[in-house]
Amino acid sequence: MLNDRYPDNIVAPKGLKLIQGNFYDFFPETKYDLVICNQVLEHVDDPREFAKKLLSIGKVVIASVPY
């Protein structure tokens, strides 16, 4: 899970890795099989660039936005 807003004292549940940072600076070594982006695109300055970044890191991307 990538998020730059978690406090430093958050502990990741077993099997989950928390990464704090800027999503645009995130470059994984390999593509993820699945990327899920829930209720985020409507909050970023440039949703098109954000979506391109999502597609660059995942083989399958599921994104949801409010109706």
Protein backbone atom coordinates (compact mmCIF):
# COMPACT_ATOMS: atom_id res chain seq x y z
CA MET A 1 0.00 0.00 0.00
CA LEU A 2 1.45 3.35 -1.04
CA ASN A 3 0.30 6.37 0.92
CA ASP A 4 2.06 9.56 1.97
CA ARG A 5 -0.44 10.50 4.68
CA TYR A 6 -0.11 7.71 7.23
CA PRO A 7 1.40 8.73 10.56
CA ASP A 8 4.81 7.22 11.28
CA ASN A 9 3.42 4.94 14.00
CA ILE A 10 1.13 2.91 11.70
CA VAL A 11 2.02 -0.79 11.71
CA ALA A 12 1.36 -2.81 8.55
CA PRO A 13 -0.85 -5.88 8.92
CA LYS A 14 0.89 -9.19 8.30
CA GLY A 15 1.59 -9.66 4.60
CA LEU A 16 1.14 -5.98 3.71
CA LYS A 17 3.97 -3.56 3.09
CA LEU A 18 3.34 0.13 3.69
CA ILE A 19 5.33 2.56 1.58
CA GLN A 20 5.20 6.28 2.31
CA GLY A 21 6.08 8.66 -0.47
CA ASN A 22 5.06 10.48 -3.60
CA PHE A 23 3.31 8.15 -6.05
CA TYR A 24 4.97 9.81 -9.03
CA ASP A 25 8.38 8.93 -7.53
CA PHE A 26 7.43 5.27 -7.06
CA PHE A 27 9.16 2.92 -9.51
CA PRO A 28 8.71 -0.75 -8.58
CA GLU A 29 11.22 -3.30 -9.90
CA THR A 30 8.47 -5.31 -11.60
CA LYS A 31 4.84 -4.68 -12.57
CA TYR A 32 2.19 -5.66 -10.08
CA ASP A 33 -0.40 -8.22 -11.19
CA LEU A 34 -3.21 -6.02 -9.85
CA VAL A 35 -3.39 -2.35 -8.86
CA ILE A 36 -6.51 -1.02 -7.12
CA CYS A 37 -7.15 2.71 -6.90
CA ASN A 38 -10.29 3.62 -4.96
CA GLN A 39 -11.72 7.13 -4.75
CA VAL A 40 -8.43 8.90 -5.57
CA LEU A 41 -8.54 10.15 -9.18
CA GLU A 42 -11.05 12.88 -8.38
CA HIS A 43 -8.61 14.38 -5.86
CA VAL A 44 -5.42 14.69 -7.92
CA ASP A 45 -4.45 17.74 -9.98
CA ASP A 46 -3.88 15.78 -13.20
CA PRO A 47 -5.98 12.57 -13.24
CA ARG A 48 -4.78 11.66 -16.73
CA GLU A 49 -1.12 11.58 -15.65
CA PHE A 50 -2.06 9.74 -12.46
CA ALA A 51 -3.94 7.10 -14.48
CA LYS A 52 -0.96 6.72 -16.83
CA LYS A 53 1.26 6.10 -13.81
CA LEU A 54 -1.19 3.50 -12.50
CA LEU A 55 -1.14 1.72 -15.86
CA SER A 56 2.66 1.78 -15.91
CA ILE A 57 2.99 -0.15 -12.65
CA GLY A 58 0.21 -2.73 -13.02
CA LYS A 59 -0.76 -5.47 -15.44
CA VAL A 60 -4.42 -4.96 -14.46
CA VAL A 61 -5.69 -1.71 -12.94
CA ILE A 62 -9.05 -1.28 -11.24
CA ALA A 63 -9.94 2.35 -10.54
CA SER A 64 -13.16 3.67 -9.05
CA VAL A 65 -14.50 7.19 -8.75
CA PRO A 66 -17.71 8.48 -7.16
CA TYR A 67 -20.83 8.26 -9.25
